[in-house]
Amino acid sequence: MEKVFLGSEAVAARMLTPGQLRYGYSRLFPDVYTSRNEEPTLADRTVGAWLWSWRRAVITGQAAAALHGARWVGGRAPIELNYQCRRPPAGIIARNERIGCDEVVQIGDMAVASVSRTAFDLGRFLPLGQAVAHLDALANATRLTSAQVLSLADTYRGARGVKKLRAAATLMDGGAQSPKETWLRLLLMQKGFPRPRTQIPVLGSSGKPFAYLDMGWEDVKIAVEYDGDHHRKDREQYVWDEKRLRLIRARDWLHVKVISEDRAFDVVERVAAAWHFRERALAAAAGAW
C-alpha cells in the first residue's frame, strides 16, 4: 500500500474493504486517502492532488517549486494544477491553461511544470512580494534566470497576470538565502537605494573569500545582512558570526545587521546613515586632493 492512494483502486484490488478504508485512513481529497497516524506533508498533498486528477494534471505553482528543490514553501500551501475542473476540492487550485510539451517534465510518476513554467505561474498568481520571494528561492535552487522567465512572458503575452510577472522577474535574485533577505532587498530598493548586489565575496589575507555578504554596494563598501534566529541559538555559529563581522569591518566595510525585531523604518534609517557617513568621507577625501 502506497502512503497516498486512491481509495476506489484499493477497494477494487481487494487490498482494503470499504469499512477498513473509511475507519482506518484519513481522506486528503475526494477518493484520496493516507494514514491516520501522520500529518500529511506538502509532498503527500501534492501526490494526492495529482491522484485526485486521475493522474492527468500537471503540478505547478508552489508545489512544483518544492519538487524542483526550492525551499521556504509552506506545508499548507495550496496544490496548484494545470487541469480542467471548475470546482476543485479545498486545498487544490485548478487552472486550465495552455502549456507546451517542452514546459512539462516528469518527476517520479507525476507531470510537473518545468522550472521556467513554474516561475511563470508563481509570478502571475502570487502577490508581488511573495512572488519575488518564491522566484528567488527557485532561482537559488535551480539557477533559473530572469531572461528565461521573461521569454515565457513573451510567448504568452495575453495571459492573465503577465504584467505582474514581468515586474517580479525583473526584481528576482537567486542570491537571496531566505524570504527575509528578499523582503530586505525589496525594502531598500523601494526606499530609493540602488539595487544591491547579493552574495558579495569578502577576501581574506590569502586572497580567497572568507565570507559572502547577504547584500550591499561594493563601490561604497556598505553591507546589509539579515541575522536569522539560528545565528543566535547555535553557539558555534554565533562565535563565528562575531569573528566574521570583525574581519569584515577591518576591511573598511560599513555593516548593517538586521534582525526580525527591527521595524522597516529603523532599517531604512540605519542604511541611510551608513550612506551619508560614506558620502561625507568620500567628499572629504576628494577635497583633500
Protein backbone atom coordinates (compact mmCIF):
# COMPACT_ATOMS: atom_id res chain seq x y z
CA MET A 1 0.00 0.00 0.00
CA GLU A 2 1.37 3.41 -1.01
CA LYS A 3 1.36 6.15 1.60
CA VAL A 4 -1.14 8.16 -0.50
CA PHE A 5 -3.56 6.24 -2.68
CA LEU A 6 -6.92 6.24 -4.43
CA GLY A 7 -9.48 4.53 -2.23
CA SER A 8 -11.51 3.19 -5.15
CA GLU A 9 -8.42 1.48 -6.58
CA ALA A 10 -7.50 -0.07 -3.22
CA VAL A 11 -11.03 -1.44 -2.77
CA ALA A 12 -11.24 -2.69 -6.37
CA ALA A 13 -7.92 -4.51 -5.93
CA ARG A 14 -9.28 -6.02 -2.65
CA MET A 15 -6.43 -4.53 -0.68
CA LEU A 16 -8.98 -2.91 1.66
CA THR A 17 -12.67 -3.27 2.38
CA PRO A 18 -14.83 -0.13 2.27
CA GLY A 19 -15.06 -0.28 6.06
CA GLN A 20 -11.30 -0.53 6.53
CA LEU A 21 -10.84 2.42 4.18
CA ARG A 22 -13.43 4.54 5.96
CA TYR A 23 -12.28 3.91 9.51
CA GLY A 24 -8.61 3.19 9.10
CA TYR A 25 -7.46 6.06 6.87
CA SER A 26 -7.78 9.83 6.52
CA ARG A 27 -9.24 11.40 3.40
CA LEU A 28 -6.99 14.05 1.80
CA PHE A 29 -9.19 14.80 -1.19
CA PRO A 30 -12.20 13.04 -2.71
CA ASP A 31 -11.23 9.34 -3.11
CA VAL A 32 -7.65 10.11 -1.97
CA TYR A 33 -6.52 8.62 1.34
CA THR A 34 -3.48 8.45 3.58
CA SER A 35 -2.51 7.16 7.02
CA ARG A 36 -4.33 8.48 10.07
CA ASN A 37 -1.13 8.33 12.12
CA GLU A 38 0.88 11.03 10.35
CA GLU A 39 0.23 14.65 9.42
CA PRO A 40 0.32 14.82 5.61
CA THR A 41 3.29 16.71 4.22
CA LEU A 42 3.35 19.03 1.24
CA ALA A 43 4.75 16.13 -0.79
CA ASP A 44 1.85 13.89 0.34
CA ARG A 45 -0.70 16.51 -0.60
CA THR A 46 0.98 17.05 -3.97
CA VAL A 47 0.79 13.34 -4.79
CA GLY A 48 -2.78 13.28 -3.51
CA ALA A 49 -3.85 16.18 -5.74
CA TRP A 50 -2.27 14.51 -8.75
CA LEU A 51 -4.06 11.23 -7.96
CA TRP A 52 -7.33 13.13 -7.48
CA SER A 53 -7.00 14.32 -11.11
CA TRP A 54 -6.73 10.65 -12.11
CA ARG A 55 -3.07 11.25 -12.90
CA ARG A 56 -3.88 13.73 -15.67
CA ALA A 57 -2.91 17.08 -14.14
CA VAL A 58 0.37 18.96 -14.38
CA ILE A 59 1.68 20.10 -10.99
CA THR A 60 2.64 23.77 -10.96
CA GLY A 61 2.98 26.73 -8.59
CA GLN A 62 4.49 26.37 -5.12
CA ALA A 63 4.17 22.58 -5.07
CA ALA A 64 6.14 22.34 -8.31
CA ALA A 65 8.76 24.75 -6.95
CA ALA A 66 9.24 22.46 -3.94
CA LEU A 67 9.63 19.45 -6.25
CA HIS A 68 12.35 21.36 -8.10
CA GLY A 69 14.21 21.86 -4.82
CA ALA A 70 13.08 25.35 -3.80
CA ARG A 71 13.00 25.99 -0.06
CA TRP A 72 10.60 28.06 2.03
CA VAL A 73 7.40 26.54 0.59
CA GLY A 74 4.83 26.24 3.39
CA GLY A 75 3.46 22.82 4.19
CA ARG A 76 -0.12 24.08 3.87
CA ALA A 77 0.38 25.84 0.53
CA PRO A 78 -2.44 25.03 -1.91
CA ILE A 79 -1.58 22.49 -4.59
CA GLU A 80 -1.86 24.18 -7.97
CA LEU A 81 -2.71 22.08 -11.01
CA ASN A 82 -2.91 22.78 -14.69
CA TYR A 83 -6.13 20.82 -15.08
CA GLN A 84 -9.67 21.38 -16.25
CA CYS A 85 -12.01 21.40 -13.26
CA ARG A 86 -14.39 24.19 -12.32
CA ARG A 87 -14.86 23.13 -8.70
CA PRO A 88 -11.73 21.54 -7.24
CA PRO A 89 -11.83 20.48 -3.58
CA ALA A 90 -10.42 22.62 -0.79
CA GLY A 91 -6.63 22.70 -0.90
CA ILE A 92 -6.41 22.41 -4.68
CA ILE A 93 -6.35 25.22 -7.24
CA ALA A 94 -7.08 24.11 -10.80
CA ARG A 95 -6.47 26.27 -13.87
CA ASN A 96 -6.97 25.03 -17.40
CA GLU A 97 -4.27 26.92 -19.31
CA ARG A 98 -2.24 26.43 -22.45
CA ILE A 99 1.07 24.75 -21.69
CA GLY A 100 3.67 23.50 -24.14
CA CYS A 101 5.09 19.97 -24.13
CA ASP A 102 8.54 21.44 -23.52
CA GLU A 103 7.18 23.14 -20.38
CA VAL A 104 6.43 19.83 -18.65
CA VAL A 105 8.90 17.44 -17.04
CA GLN A 106 8.43 14.15 -15.24
CA ILE A 107 9.33 13.85 -11.56
CA GLY A 108 8.64 10.38 -10.28
CA ASP A 109 5.38 9.39 -11.93
CA MET A 110 3.98 12.92 -12.00
CA ALA A 111 3.87 15.52 -14.75
CA VAL A 112 5.34 18.73 -13.34
CA ALA A 113 5.71 22.20 -14.83
CA SER A 114 9.30 22.89 -15.85
CA VAL A 115 11.36 25.29 -13.75
CA SER A 116 10.70 28.24 -16.05
CA ARG A 117 6.99 27.42 -16.39
CA THR A 118 6.71 27.07 -12.60
CA ALA A 119 8.25 30.53 -12.26
CA PHE A 120 5.87 31.85 -14.91
CA ASP A 121 2.88 30.69 -12.86
CA LEU A 122 4.29 31.81 -9.50
CA GLY A 123 4.94 35.31 -10.81
CA ARG A 124 1.43 35.70 -12.19
CA PHE A 125 -0.72 34.41 -9.35
CA LEU A 126 1.02 35.46 -6.12
CA PRO A 127 1.19 38.98 -4.65
CA LEU A 128 4.32 40.71 -5.91
CA GLY A 129 6.44 40.42 -2.74
CA GLN A 130 5.57 36.73 -2.30
CA ALA A 131 6.15 36.08 -5.99
CA VAL A 132 9.64 37.57 -5.86
CA ALA A 133 10.48 35.55 -2.73
CA HIS A 134 9.41 32.31 -4.42
CA LEU A 135 11.22 33.20 -7.64
CA ASP A 136 14.35 33.96 -5.59
CA ALA A 137 14.12 30.55 -3.89
CA LEU A 138 13.53 28.76 -7.19
CA ALA A 139 16.44 30.57 -8.82
CA ASN A 140 18.66 29.78 -5.85
CA ALA A 141 17.85 26.07 -6.18
CA THR A 142 17.98 25.75 -9.97
CA ARG A 143 19.97 28.67 -11.45
CA LEU A 144 16.83 29.97 -13.13
CA THR A 145 17.38 33.36 -14.76
CA SER A 146 15.01 36.28 -15.24
CA ALA A 147 15.65 36.01 -19.00
CA GLN A 148 14.16 32.51 -19.02
CA VAL A 149 11.05 33.73 -17.22
CA LEU A 150 10.65 36.78 -19.45
CA SER A 151 10.96 34.56 -22.52
CA LEU A 152 7.78 32.75 -21.45
CA ALA A 153 6.13 36.09 -20.77
CA ASP A 154 6.78 36.96 -24.42
CA THR A 155 5.35 33.60 -25.53
CA TYR A 156 2.13 34.14 -23.56
CA ARG A 157 1.70 37.90 -23.90
CA GLY A 158 -2.05 37.84 -23.33
CA ALA A 159 -2.05 35.52 -20.33
CA ARG A 160 -3.52 36.65 -17.04
CA GLY A 161 -1.01 38.33 -14.70
CA VAL A 162 1.82 38.71 -17.22
CA LYS A 163 2.39 42.36 -16.31
CA LYS A 164 2.94 41.42 -12.66
CA LEU A 165 5.13 38.51 -13.73
CA ARG A 166 7.42 40.86 -15.66
CA ALA A 167 7.82 43.06 -12.58
CA ALA A 168 8.59 40.03 -10.38
CA ALA A 169 11.09 38.60 -12.88
CA THR A 170 12.90 41.93 -13.07
CA LEU A 171 13.22 42.01 -9.27
CA MET A 172 14.21 38.36 -8.70
CA ASP A 173 17.69 37.46 -7.45
CA GLY A 174 18.88 33.91 -6.85
CA GLY A 175 21.41 35.17 -4.32
CA ALA A 176 18.71 35.55 -1.66
CA GLN A 177 19.07 32.89 1.02
CA SER A 178 15.66 33.37 2.66
CA PRO A 179 12.34 35.18 2.25
CA LYS A 180 13.53 37.73 4.82
CA GLU A 181 16.52 38.57 2.64
CA THR A 182 14.16 39.06 -0.28
CA TRP A 183 11.99 41.34 1.85
CA LEU A 184 15.05 43.33 2.92
CA ARG A 185 16.34 43.76 -0.63
CA LEU A 186 12.93 44.89 -1.91
CA LEU A 187 12.52 47.31 1.01
CA LEU A 188 15.84 49.01 0.23
CA MET A 189 15.00 49.32 -3.46
CA GLN A 190 11.51 50.61 -2.68
CA LYS A 191 13.03 53.34 -0.50
CA GLY A 192 15.23 54.59 -3.30
CA PHE A 193 18.58 52.89 -2.65
CA PRO A 194 20.41 51.47 -5.67
CA ARG A 195 19.75 47.79 -6.30
CA PRO A 196 22.15 45.92 -4.00
CA ARG A 197 24.31 43.08 -5.21
CA THR A 198 23.82 39.79 -3.36
CA GLN A 199 26.39 37.28 -2.11
CA ILE A 200 29.34 39.69 -2.28
CA PRO A 201 32.65 37.88 -1.61
CA VAL A 202 34.98 39.38 1.00
CA LEU A 203 38.59 38.28 0.56
CA GLY A 204 40.90 37.26 3.37
CA SER A 205 44.66 37.67 3.57
CA SER A 206 45.07 34.55 1.42
CA GLY A 207 43.13 36.16 -1.40
CA LYS A 208 40.24 33.70 -1.01
CA PRO A 209 36.74 34.63 0.21
CA PHE A 210 36.13 34.05 3.92
CA ALA A 211 32.61 35.49 3.78
CA TYR A 212 29.80 36.24 1.36
CA LEU A 213 27.71 39.25 2.30
CA ASP A 214 23.93 38.93 2.00
CA MET A 215 23.71 42.15 0.02
CA GLY A 216 25.32 45.55 -0.32
CA TRP A 217 27.14 48.02 -2.52
CA GLU A 218 30.78 47.32 -3.29
CA ASP A 219 31.58 50.80 -4.60
CA VAL A 220 30.84 52.40 -1.21
CA LYS A 221 31.58 49.25 0.84
CA ILE A 222 28.24 49.12 2.66
CA ALA A 223 26.84 45.71 3.60
CA VAL A 224 23.35 44.86 4.86
CA GLU A 225 22.70 41.41 6.30
CA TYR A 226 19.71 39.69 7.86
CA ASP A 227 20.53 37.82 11.05
CA GLY A 228 18.18 34.85 11.47
CA ASP A 229 17.31 33.13 14.75
CA HIS A 230 19.60 30.17 14.05
CA HIS A 231 22.61 32.51 14.34
CA ARG A 232 21.74 33.21 17.98
CA LYS A 233 20.60 29.73 19.01
CA ASP A 234 23.74 27.97 17.78
CA ARG A 235 26.69 28.99 19.98
CA GLU A 236 29.32 27.87 17.48
CA GLN A 237 27.57 29.81 14.73
CA TYR A 238 27.31 32.86 17.00
CA VAL A 239 31.04 32.83 17.77
CA TRP A 240 31.95 32.57 14.08
CA ASP A 241 29.49 35.35 13.18
CA GLU A 242 31.18 37.71 15.65
CA LYS A 243 34.66 36.90 14.35
CA ARG A 244 33.44 37.21 10.78
CA LEU A 245 31.91 40.62 11.50
CA ARG A 246 35.16 41.93 12.96
CA LEU A 247 37.07 40.77 9.89
CA ILE A 248 34.55 42.43 7.57
CA ARG A 249 34.72 45.74 9.44
CA ALA A 250 38.52 45.56 9.49
CA ARG A 251 38.35 45.69 5.69
CA ASP A 252 36.56 49.06 5.87
CA TRP A 253 33.07 47.75 5.27
CA LEU A 254 30.18 49.54 6.99
CA HIS A 255 27.99 46.69 8.18
CA VAL A 256 24.27 46.99 8.97
CA LYS A 257 22.85 43.95 10.77
CA VAL A 258 19.07 43.48 10.60
CA ILE A 259 17.12 41.24 12.98
CA SER A 260 13.49 40.15 12.96
CA GLU A 261 12.54 42.67 15.66
CA ASP A 262 13.70 45.64 13.56
CA ARG A 263 10.98 47.80 12.03
CA ALA A 264 11.21 48.77 8.40
CA PHE A 265 11.74 52.48 9.00
CA ASP A 266 14.53 51.71 11.51
CA VAL A 267 16.31 49.60 8.92
CA VAL A 268 15.98 52.33 6.29
CA GLU A 269 17.31 54.99 8.69
CA ARG A 270 20.36 52.91 9.59
CA VAL A 271 21.20 52.17 5.97
CA ALA A 272 20.71 55.84 5.06
CA ALA A 273 23.05 56.82 7.91
CA ALA A 274 25.70 54.46 6.53
CA TRP A 275 25.34 56.03 3.08
CA HIS A 276 25.58 59.57 4.50
CA PHE A 277 28.69 58.65 6.50
CA ARG A 278 30.35 57.12 3.47
CA GLU A 279 29.42 60.02 1.18
CA ARG A 280 30.86 62.55 3.65
CA ALA A 281 34.07 60.54 3.92
CA LEU A 282 34.41 60.31 0.15
CA ALA A 283 33.72 64.03 -0.22
CA ALA A 284 36.33 64.85 2.43
CA ALA A 285 38.87 62.61 0.71
CA ALA A 286 38.16 64.27 -2.63
CA GLY A 287 38.58 67.73 -1.05
CA ALA A 288 41.94 66.75 0.41
CA TRP A 289 43.19 66.07 -3.09
